[in-house]
């Protein structure tokens, strides 16, 4: 998978754009994400229902993965079952 790839959730409405990608399976709502929406929706996992927010970047602990949410949904993002967290914004420099 390369940066710029758009992935769609099989379990909810979430869509993300890949910014940075390592080895592993990107999941949303407990189901693997793909470039095409499946004909039949997967079940939303009870452990992965925190939701996604549009415009937010999601990263893993090692910063190997970075995803930009372009369409929000009910499922939460993870890589191989490990939850991703929102990336904090960089503070602006003080202008004294």
PDB file of N, CA and C in Angstrom:
ATOM      1  N   UNK A   1       0.847  -1.174   0.000  1.00  0.00           N
ATOM      2  CA  UNK A   1       0.000   0.000   0.000  1.00  0.00           C
ATOM      3  C   UNK A   1       0.896   1.242   0.000  1.00  0.00           C
ATOM      4  N   UNK A   2       0.480   2.253  -0.732  1.00  0.00           N
ATOM      5  CA  UNK A   2       1.303   3.458  -0.838  1.00  0.00           C
ATOM      6  C   UNK A   2       0.547   4.681  -0.320  1.00  0.00           C
ATOM      7  N   UNK A   3       1.274   5.735   0.045  1.00  0.00           N
ATOM      8  CA  UNK A   3       0.628   6.971   0.483  1.00  0.00           C
ATOM      9  C   UNK A   3      -0.308   7.508  -0.602  1.00  0.00           C
ATOM     10  N   UNK A   4      -1.461   8.023  -0.162  1.00  0.00           N
ATOM     11  CA  UNK A   4      -2.453   8.545  -1.097  1.00  0.00           C
ATOM     12  C   UNK A   4      -3.576   7.559  -1.374  1.00  0.00           C
ATOM     13  N   UNK A   5      -3.398   6.299  -0.967  1.00  0.00           N
ATOM     14  CA  UNK A   5      -4.439   5.287  -1.162  1.00  0.00           C
ATOM     15  C   UNK A   5      -5.623   5.605  -0.270  1.00  0.00           C
ATOM     16  N   UNK A   6      -6.826   5.501  -0.807  1.00  0.00           N
ATOM     17  CA  UNK A   6      -8.048   5.751  -0.039  1.00  0.00           C
ATOM     18  C   UNK A   6      -8.659   4.404   0.339  1.00  0.00           C
ATOM     19  N   UNK A   7      -8.897   4.205   1.635  1.00  0.00           N
ATOM     20  CA  UNK A   7      -9.454   2.954   2.139  1.00  0.00           C
ATOM     21  C   UNK A   7     -10.846   3.183   2.708  1.00  0.00           C
ATOM     22  N   UNK A   8     -11.713   2.180   2.524  1.00  0.00           N
ATOM     23  CA  UNK A   8     -13.088   2.250   3.013  1.00  0.00           C
ATOM     24  C   UNK A   8     -13.332   1.126   4.016  1.00  0.00           C
ATOM     25  N   UNK A   9     -14.089   1.441   5.047  1.00  0.00           N
ATOM     26  CA  UNK A   9     -14.412   0.471   6.081  1.00  0.00           C
ATOM     27  C   UNK A   9     -15.457  -0.521   5.578  1.00  0.00           C
ATOM     28  N   UNK A  10     -15.314  -1.772   6.003  1.00  0.00           N
ATOM     29  CA  UNK A  10     -16.299  -2.795   5.671  1.00  0.00           C
ATOM     30  C   UNK A  10     -17.422  -2.835   6.710  1.00  0.00           C
ATOM     31  N   UNK A  11     -17.224  -2.136   7.854  1.00  0.00           N
ATOM     32  CA  UNK A  11     -18.180  -2.216   8.952  1.00  0.00           C
ATOM     33  C   UNK A  11     -18.989  -0.938   9.175  1.00  0.00           C
ATOM     34  N   UNK A  12     -18.522   0.206   8.647  1.00  0.00           N
ATOM     35  CA  UNK A  12     -19.251   1.473   8.850  1.00  0.00           C
ATOM     36  C   UNK A  12     -18.950   2.418   7.693  1.00  0.00           C
ATOM     37  N   UNK A  13     -19.244   3.708   7.866  1.00  0.00           N
ATOM     38  CA  UNK A  13     -19.070   4.698   6.797  1.00  0.00           C
ATOM     39  C   UNK A  13     -17.665   5.299   6.716  1.00  0.00           C
ATOM     40  N   UNK A  14     -16.778   4.947   7.632  1.00  0.00           N
ATOM     41  CA  UNK A  14     -15.451   5.550   7.696  1.00  0.00           C
ATOM     42  C   UNK A  14     -14.644   5.352   6.414  1.00  0.00           C
ATOM     43  N   UNK A  15     -13.989   6.437   5.976  1.00  0.00           N
ATOM     44  CA  UNK A  15     -13.048   6.380   4.855  1.00  0.00           C
ATOM     45  C   UNK A  15     -11.805   7.157   5.279  1.00  0.00           C
ATOM     46  N   UNK A  16     -10.629   6.609   4.954  1.00  0.00           N
ATOM     47  CA  UNK A  16      -9.373   7.259   5.316  1.00  0.00           C
ATOM     48  C   UNK A  16      -8.444   7.321   4.112  1.00  0.00           C
ATOM     49  N   UNK A  17      -7.482   8.249   4.184  1.00  0.00           N
ATOM     50  CA  UNK A  17      -6.424   8.326   3.191  1.00  0.00           C
ATOM     51  C   UNK A  17      -5.123   7.964   3.902  1.00  0.00           C
ATOM     52  N   UNK A  18      -4.344   7.101   3.273  1.00  0.00           N
ATOM     53  CA  UNK A  18      -3.078   6.668   3.854  1.00  0.00           C
ATOM     54  C   UNK A  18      -2.041   7.777   3.669  1.00  0.00           C
ATOM     55  N   UNK A  19      -1.452   8.223   4.767  1.00  0.00           N
ATOM     56  CA  UNK A  19      -0.384   9.215   4.742  1.00  0.00           C
ATOM     57  C   UNK A  19       0.968   8.503   4.858  1.00  0.00           C
ATOM     58  N   UNK A  20       1.055   7.564   5.802  1.00  0.00           N
ATOM     59  CA  UNK A  20       2.262   6.764   6.008  1.00  0.00           C
ATOM     60  C   UNK A  20       1.813   5.346   6.348  1.00  0.00           C
ATOM     61  N   UNK A  21       2.509   4.350   5.813  1.00  0.00           N
ATOM     62  CA  UNK A  21       2.066   2.972   6.003  1.00  0.00           C
ATOM     63  C   UNK A  21       3.246   2.032   6.224  1.00  0.00           C
ATOM     64  N   UNK A  22       3.122   1.138   7.193  1.00  0.00           N
ATOM     65  CA  UNK A  22       4.121   0.111   7.467  1.00  0.00           C
ATOM     66  C   UNK A  22       3.532  -1.254   7.132  1.00  0.00           C
ATOM     67  N   UNK A  23       4.046  -2.286   7.773  1.00  0.00           N
ATOM     68  CA  UNK A  23       3.530  -3.638   7.567  1.00  0.00           C
ATOM     69  C   UNK A  23       2.428  -3.913   8.575  1.00  0.00           C
ATOM     70  N   UNK A  24       1.303  -4.397   8.093  1.00  0.00           N
ATOM     71  CA  UNK A  24       0.179  -4.720   8.961  1.00  0.00           C
ATOM     72  C   UNK A  24      -1.136  -4.496   8.237  1.00  0.00           C
ATOM     73  N   UNK A  25      -2.206  -4.934   8.877  1.00  0.00           N
ATOM     74  CA  UNK A  25      -3.542  -4.802   8.313  1.00  0.00           C
ATOM     75  C   UNK A  25      -4.281  -3.657   8.983  1.00  0.00           C
ATOM     76  N   UNK A  26      -4.702  -2.676   8.196  1.00  0.00           N
ATOM     77  CA  UNK A  26      -5.458  -1.541   8.717  1.00  0.00           C
ATOM     78  C   UNK A  26      -6.916  -1.978   8.845  1.00  0.00           C
ATOM     79  N   UNK A  27      -7.477  -1.744  10.030  1.00  0.00           N
ATOM     80  CA  UNK A  27      -8.850  -2.177  10.317  1.00  0.00           C
ATOM     81  C   UNK A  27      -9.688  -1.012  10.825  1.00  0.00           C
ATOM     82  N   UNK A  28     -10.983  -1.132  10.617  1.00  0.00           N
ATOM     83  CA  UNK A  28     -11.931  -0.166  11.169  1.00  0.00           C
ATOM     84  C   UNK A  28     -13.133  -0.944  11.682  1.00  0.00           C
ATOM     85  N   UNK A  29     -13.490  -0.729  12.923  1.00  0.00           N
ATOM     86  CA  UNK A  29     -14.608  -1.454  13.513  1.00  0.00           C
ATOM     87  C   UNK A  29     -14.321  -2.933  13.682  1.00  0.00           C
ATOM     88  N   UNK A  30     -13.039  -3.310  13.664  1.00  0.00           N
ATOM     89  CA  UNK A  30     -12.647  -4.706  13.825  1.00  0.00           C
ATOM     90  C   UNK A  30     -12.555  -5.485  12.528  1.00  0.00           C
ATOM     91  N   UNK A  31     -12.869  -4.849  11.385  1.00  0.00           N
ATOM     92  CA  UNK A  31     -12.821  -5.518  10.076  1.00  0.00           C
ATOM     93  C   UNK A  31     -11.768  -4.850   9.193  1.00  0.00           C
ATOM     94  N   UNK A  32     -11.044  -5.630   8.383  1.00  0.00           N
ATOM     95  CA  UNK A  32     -10.031  -5.043   7.499  1.00  0.00           C
ATOM     96  C   UNK A  32     -10.644  -4.032   6.527  1.00  0.00           C
ATOM     97  N   UNK A  33      -9.882  -2.961   6.241  1.00  0.00           N
ATOM     98  CA  UNK A  33     -10.329  -1.943   5.297  1.00  0.00           C
ATOM     99  C   UNK A  33      -9.803  -2.283   3.908  1.00  0.00           C
ATOM    100  N   UNK A  34     -10.525  -1.837   2.878  1.00  0.00           N
ATOM    101  CA  UNK A  34     -10.113  -2.090   1.507  1.00  0.00           C
ATOM    102  C   UNK A  34     -10.380  -0.876   0.630  1.00  0.00           C
ATOM    103  N   UNK A  35      -9.898  -0.950  -0.615  1.00  0.00           N
ATOM    104  CA  UNK A  35     -10.083   0.169  -1.543  1.00  0.00           C
ATOM    105  C   UNK A  35     -11.514   0.236  -2.071  1.00  0.00           C
ATOM    106  N   UNK A  36     -12.232  -0.886  -2.014  1.00  0.00           N
ATOM    107  CA  UNK A  36     -13.630  -0.921  -2.463  1.00  0.00           C
ATOM    108  C   UNK A  36     -14.527  -1.313  -1.288  1.00  0.00           C
ATOM    109  N   UNK A  37     -15.709  -0.742  -1.242  1.00  0.00           N
ATOM    110  CA  UNK A  37     -16.687  -1.076  -0.205  1.00  0.00           C
ATOM    111  C   UNK A  37     -17.294  -2.432  -0.533  1.00  0.00           C
ATOM    112  N   UNK A  38     -17.311  -3.394   0.407  1.00  0.00           N
ATOM    113  CA  UNK A  38     -17.891  -4.705   0.120  1.00  0.00           C
ATOM    114  C   UNK A  38     -19.408  -4.634  -0.059  1.00  0.00           C
ATOM    115  N   UNK A  39     -19.961  -5.589  -0.783  1.00  0.00           N
ATOM    116  CA  UNK A  39     -21.400  -5.619  -1.032  1.00  0.00           C
ATOM    117  C   UNK A  39     -22.179  -5.826   0.262  1.00  0.00           C
ATOM    118  N   UNK A  40     -21.626  -6.642   1.154  1.00  0.00           N
ATOM    119  CA  UNK A  40     -22.289  -6.922   2.423  1.00  0.00           C
ATOM    120  C   UNK A  40     -21.441  -6.368   3.562  1.00  0.00           C
ATOM    121  N   UNK A  41     -22.037  -5.567   4.431  1.00  0.00           N
ATOM    122  CA  UNK A  41     -21.304  -4.934   5.528  1.00  0.00           C
ATOM    123  C   UNK A  41     -20.908  -5.961   6.582  1.00  0.00           C
ATOM    124  N   UNK A  42     -19.704  -5.797   7.128  1.00  0.00           N
ATOM    125  CA  UNK A  42     -19.226  -6.644   8.220  1.00  0.00           C
ATOM    126  C   UNK A  42     -19.829  -6.155   9.536  1.00  0.00           C
ATOM    127  N   UNK A  43     -19.850  -7.027  10.528  1.00  0.00           N
ATOM    128  CA  UNK A  43     -20.370  -6.657  11.841  1.00  0.00           C
ATOM    129  C   UNK A  43     -19.375  -5.747  12.543  1.00  0.00           C
ATOM    130  N   UNK A  44     -19.879  -4.749  13.247  1.00  0.00           N
ATOM    131  CA  UNK A  44     -19.053  -3.803  13.994  1.00  0.00           C
ATOM    132  C   UNK A  44     -18.656  -4.447  15.317  1.00  0.00           C
ATOM    133  N   UNK A  45     -17.373  -4.577  15.593  1.00  0.00           N
ATOM    134  CA  UNK A  45     -16.867  -5.193  16.809  1.00  0.00           C
ATOM    135  C   UNK A  45     -17.144  -4.296  18.015  1.00  0.00           C
ATOM    136  N   UNK A  46     -17.540  -4.894  19.130  1.00  0.00           N
ATOM    137  CA  UNK A  46     -17.862  -4.130  20.337  1.00  0.00           C
ATOM    138  C   UNK A  46     -16.641  -3.402  20.898  1.00  0.00           C
ATOM    139  N   UNK A  47     -15.426  -3.914  20.651  1.00  0.00           N
ATOM    140  CA  UNK A  47     -14.210  -3.279  21.157  1.00  0.00           C
ATOM    141  C   UNK A  47     -13.771  -2.086  20.303  1.00  0.00           C
ATOM    142  N   UNK A  48     -14.331  -1.947  19.110  1.00  0.00           N
ATOM    143  CA  UNK A  48     -13.884  -0.915  18.174  1.00  0.00           C
ATOM    144  C   UNK A  48     -15.035  -0.008  17.734  1.00  0.00           C
ATOM    145  N   UNK A  49     -15.720   0.603  18.702  1.00  0.00           N
ATOM    146  CA  UNK A  49     -16.860   1.475  18.374  1.00  0.00           C
ATOM    147  C   UNK A  49     -16.683   2.894  18.917  1.00  0.00           C
ATOM    148  N   UNK A  50     -15.442   3.377  18.984  1.00  0.00           N
ATOM    149  CA  UNK A  50     -15.193   4.729  19.487  1.00  0.00           C
ATOM    150  C   UNK A  50     -15.434   5.800  18.439  1.00  0.00           C
ATOM    151  N   UNK A  51     -15.517   5.412  17.168  1.00  0.00           N
ATOM    152  CA  UNK A  51     -15.802   6.359  16.103  1.00  0.00           C
ATOM    153  C   UNK A  51     -14.559   7.063  15.592  1.00  0.00           C
ATOM    154  N   UNK A  52     -14.711   7.689  14.410  1.00  0.00           N
ATOM    155  CA  UNK A  52     -13.646   8.467  13.802  1.00  0.00           C
ATOM    156  C   UNK A  52     -14.175   9.873  13.522  1.00  0.00           C
ATOM    157  N   UNK A  53     -13.277  10.838  13.508  1.00  0.00           N
ATOM    158  CA  UNK A  53     -13.649  12.228  13.279  1.00  0.00           C
ATOM    159  C   UNK A  53     -13.013  12.732  11.989  1.00  0.00           C
ATOM    160  N   UNK A  54     -13.799  13.393  11.160  1.00  0.00           N
ATOM    161  CA  UNK A  54     -13.314  13.894   9.882  1.00  0.00           C
ATOM    162  C   UNK A  54     -12.224  14.955  10.085  1.00  0.00           C
ATOM    163  N   UNK A  55     -11.171  14.847   9.275  1.00  0.00           N
ATOM    164  CA  UNK A  55     -10.087  15.811   9.330  1.00  0.00           C
ATOM    165  C   UNK A  55      -9.010  15.487  10.342  1.00  0.00           C
ATOM    166  N   UNK A  56      -9.222  14.487  11.177  1.00  0.00           N
ATOM    167  CA  UNK A  56      -8.233  14.101  12.189  1.00  0.00           C
ATOM    168  C   UNK A  56      -7.264  13.085  11.606  1.00  0.00           C
ATOM    169  N   UNK A  57      -6.019  13.133  12.072  1.00  0.00           N
ATOM    170  CA  UNK A  57      -5.006  12.156  11.683  1.00  0.00           C
ATOM    171  C   UNK A  57      -4.880  11.142  12.817  1.00  0.00           C
ATOM    172  N   UNK A  58      -4.774   9.885  12.443  1.00  0.00           N
ATOM    173  CA  UNK A  58      -4.663   8.793  13.396  1.00  0.00           C
ATOM    174  C   UNK A  58      -3.314   8.112  13.206  1.00  0.00           C
ATOM    175  N   UNK A  59      -2.608   7.860  14.317  1.00  0.00           N
ATOM    176  CA  UNK A  59      -1.277   7.256  14.277  1.00  0.00           C
ATOM    177  C   UNK A  59      -1.189   6.111  15.279  1.00  0.00           C
ATOM    178  N   UNK A  60      -0.192   5.221  15.040  1.00  0.00           N
ATOM    179  CA  UNK A  60       0.087   4.171  16.009  1.00  0.00           C
ATOM    180  C   UNK A  60       1.201   4.632  16.938  1.00  0.00           C
ATOM    181  N   UNK A  61       1.525   3.828  17.944  1.00  0.00           N
ATOM    182  CA  UNK A  61       2.524   4.212  18.946  1.00  0.00           C
ATOM    183  C   UNK A  61       3.913   4.405  18.340  1.00  0.00           C
ATOM    184  N   UNK A  62       4.262   3.629  17.312  1.00  0.00           N
ATOM    185  CA  UNK A  62       5.589   3.707  16.697  1.00  0.00           C
ATOM    186  C   UNK A  62       5.658   4.709  15.546  1.00  0.00           C
ATOM    187  N   UNK A  63       4.559   5.345  15.214  1.00  0.00           N
ATOM    188  CA  UNK A  63       4.448   6.290  14.086  1.00  0.00           C
ATOM    189  C   UNK A  63       4.801   5.655  12.746  1.00  0.00           C
ATOM    190  N   UNK A  64       4.527   4.358  12.604  1.00  0.00           N
ATOM    191  CA  UNK A  64       4.724   3.685  11.312  1.00  0.00           C
ATOM    192  C   UNK A  64       3.518   3.911  10.414  1.00  0.00           C
ATOM    193  N   UNK A  65       2.345   4.103  11.037  1.00  0.00           N
ATOM    194  CA  UNK A  65       1.102   4.322  10.303  1.00  0.00           C
ATOM    195  C   UNK A  65       0.569   5.706  10.616  1.00  0.00           C
ATOM    196  N   UNK A  66       0.076   6.385   9.581  1.00  0.00           N
ATOM    197  CA  UNK A  66      -0.620   7.656   9.755  1.00  0.00           C
ATOM    198  C   UNK A  66      -1.749   7.683   8.736  1.00  0.00           C
ATOM    199  N   UNK A  67      -2.968   7.869   9.229  1.00  0.00           N
ATOM    200  CA  UNK A  67      -4.160   7.883   8.384  1.00  0.00           C
ATOM    201  C   UNK A  67      -4.911   9.190   8.600  1.00  0.00           C
ATOM    202  N   UNK A  68      -5.449   9.752   7.518  1.00  0.00           N
ATOM    203  CA  UNK A  68      -6.263  10.964   7.584  1.00  0.00           C
ATOM    204  C   UNK A  68      -7.709  10.566   7.327  1.00  0.00           C
ATOM    205  N   UNK A  69      -8.594  10.861   8.276  1.00  0.00           N
ATOM    206  CA  UNK A  69     -10.014  10.519   8.129  1.00  0.00           C
ATOM    207  C   UNK A  69     -10.671  11.518   7.181  1.00  0.00           C
ATOM    208  N   UNK A  70     -11.228  11.014   6.059  1.00  0.00           N
ATOM    209  CA  UNK A  70     -11.899  11.884   5.094  1.00  0.00           C
ATOM    210  C   UNK A  70     -13.420  11.729   5.139  1.00  0.00           C
ATOM    211  N   UNK A  71     -13.896  10.698   5.856  1.00  0.00           N
ATOM    212  CA  UNK A  71     -15.335  10.512   6.056  1.00  0.00           C
ATOM    213  C   UNK A  71     -15.514   9.814   7.401  1.00  0.00           C
ATOM    214  N   UNK A  72     -16.235  10.438   8.346  1.00  0.00           N
ATOM    215  CA  UNK A  72     -16.374   9.857   9.684  1.00  0.00           C
ATOM    216  C   UNK A  72     -17.312   8.654   9.706  1.00  0.00           C
ATOM    217  N   UNK A  73     -17.184   7.866  10.774  1.00  0.00           N
ATOM    218  CA  UNK A  73     -18.050   6.704  10.957  1.00  0.00           C
ATOM    219  C   UNK A  73     -18.057   6.254  12.410  1.00  0.00           C
ATOM    220  N   UNK A  74     -18.780   5.173  12.685  1.00  0.00           N
ATOM    221  CA  UNK A  74     -18.937   4.669  14.051  1.00  0.00           C
ATOM    222  C   UNK A  74     -17.772   3.808  14.518  1.00  0.00           C
ATOM    223  N   UNK A  75     -17.061   3.166  13.595  1.00  0.00           N
ATOM    224  CA  UNK A  75     -15.965   2.276  13.966  1.00  0.00           C
ATOM    225  C   UNK A  75     -14.697   3.042  14.288  1.00  0.00           C
ATOM    226  N   UNK A  76     -13.833   2.434  15.116  1.00  0.00           N
ATOM    227  CA  UNK A  76     -12.538   3.052  15.419  1.00  0.00           C
ATOM    228  C   UNK A  76     -11.437   2.336  14.644  1.00  0.00           C
ATOM    229  N   UNK A  77     -10.345   3.051  14.382  1.00  0.00           N
ATOM    230  CA  UNK A  77      -9.254   2.545  13.556  1.00  0.00           C
ATOM    231  C   UNK A  77      -8.250   1.763  14.390  1.00  0.00           C
ATOM    232  N   UNK A  78      -7.687   0.718  13.773  1.00  0.00           N
ATOM    233  CA  UNK A  78      -6.657  -0.082  14.422  1.00  0.00           C
ATOM    234  C   UNK A  78      -5.770  -0.711  13.363  1.00  0.00           C
ATOM    235  N   UNK A  79      -4.606  -1.202  13.792  1.00  0.00           N
ATOM    236  CA  UNK A  79      -3.688  -1.940  12.930  1.00  0.00           C
ATOM    237  C   UNK A  79      -3.402  -3.259  13.630  1.00  0.00           C
ATOM    238  N   UNK A  80      -3.775  -4.361  12.998  1.00  0.00           N
ATOM    239  CA  UNK A  80      -3.613  -5.703  13.579  1.00  0.00           C
ATOM    240  C   UNK A  80      -4.188  -5.778  14.989  1.00  0.00           C
ATOM    241  N   UNK A  81      -5.333  -5.127  15.225  1.00  0.00           N
ATOM    242  CA  UNK A  81      -6.020  -5.173  16.510  1.00  0.00           C
ATOM    243  C   UNK A  81      -5.563  -4.141  17.527  1.00  0.00           C
ATOM    244  N   UNK A  82      -4.494  -3.385  17.243  1.00  0.00           N
ATOM    245  CA  UNK A  82      -3.987  -2.364  18.162  1.00  0.00           C
ATOM    246  C   UNK A  82      -4.567  -1.009  17.751  1.00  0.00           C
ATOM    247  N   UNK A  83      -5.276  -0.369  18.672  1.00  0.00           N
ATOM    248  CA  UNK A  83      -5.984   0.880  18.375  1.00  0.00           C
ATOM    249  C   UNK A  83      -5.038   2.010  17.993  1.00  0.00           C
ATOM    250  N   UNK A  84      -5.479   2.839  17.041  1.00  0.00           N
ATOM    251  CA  UNK A  84      -4.761   4.046  16.660  1.00  0.00           C
ATOM    252  C   UNK A  84      -5.319   5.204  17.471  1.00  0.00           C
ATOM    253  N   UNK A  85      -4.502   6.218  17.698  1.00  0.00           N
ATOM    254  CA  UNK A  85      -4.930   7.390  18.463  1.00  0.00           C
ATOM    255  C   UNK A  85      -4.820   8.634  17.583  1.00  0.00           C
ATOM    256  N   UNK A  86      -5.540   9.695  17.963  1.00  0.00           N
ATOM    257  CA  UNK A  86      -5.474  10.925  17.181  1.00  0.00           C
ATOM    258  C   UNK A  86      -4.114  11.580  17.391  1.00  0.00           C
ATOM    259  N   UNK A  87      -3.601  12.143  16.314  1.00  0.00           N
ATOM    260  CA  UNK A  87      -2.297  12.815  16.356  1.00  0.00           C
ATOM    261  C   UNK A  87      -2.509  14.220  16.910  1.00  0.00           C
ATOM    262  N   UNK A  88      -1.673  14.604  17.857  1.00  0.00           N
ATOM    263  CA  UNK A  88      -1.760  15.941  18.435  1.00  0.00           C
ATOM    264  C   UNK A  88      -1.207  16.973  17.470  1.00  0.00           C
ATOM    265  N   UNK A  89      -1.822  18.137  17.470  1.00  0.00           N
ATOM    266  CA  UNK A  89      -1.350  19.234  16.624  1.00  0.00           C
ATOM    267  C   UNK A  89      -0.065  19.808  17.196  1.00  0.00           C
ATOM    268  N   UNK A  90       0.808  20.263  16.317  1.00  0.00           N
ATOM    269  CA  UNK A  90       2.039  20.884  16.767  1.00  0.00           C
ATOM    270  C   UNK A  90       1.715  22.280  17.289  1.00  0.00           C
ATOM    271  N   UNK A  91       2.266  22.640  18.454  1.00  0.00           N
ATOM    272  CA  UNK A  91       1.989  23.990  18.981  1.00  0.00           C
ATOM    273  C   UNK A  91       2.664  25.056  18.110  1.00  0.00           C
ATOM    274  N   UNK A  92       1.971  26.151  17.937  1.00  0.00           N
ATOM    275  CA  UNK A  92       2.526  27.271  17.188  1.00  0.00           C
ATOM    276  C   UNK A  92       3.569  27.997  18.040  1.00  0.00           C
ATOM    277  N   UNK A  93       4.591  28.559  17.407  1.00  0.00           N
ATOM    278  CA  UNK A  93       5.581  29.298  18.182  1.00  0.00           C
ATOM    279  C   UNK A  93       4.979  30.561  18.778  1.00  0.00           C
ATOM    280  N   UNK A  94       5.471  30.912  19.939  1.00  0.00           N
ATOM    281  CA  UNK A  94       4.986  32.117  20.602  1.00  0.00           C
ATOM    282  C   UNK A  94       5.471  33.346  19.864  1.00  0.00           C
ATOM    283  N   UNK A  95       4.602  34.325  19.739  1.00  0.00           N
ATOM    284  CA  UNK A  95       4.998  35.579  19.078  1.00  0.00           C
ATOM    285  C   UNK A  95       4.943  36.700  20.114  1.00  0.00           C
ATOM    286  N   UNK A  96       6.046  36.896  20.770  1.00  0.00           N
ATOM    287  CA  UNK A  96       6.105  37.912  21.849  1.00  0.00           C
ATOM    288  C   UNK A  96       6.230  39.300  21.284  1.00  0.00           C
TER     289      UNK A  96
END
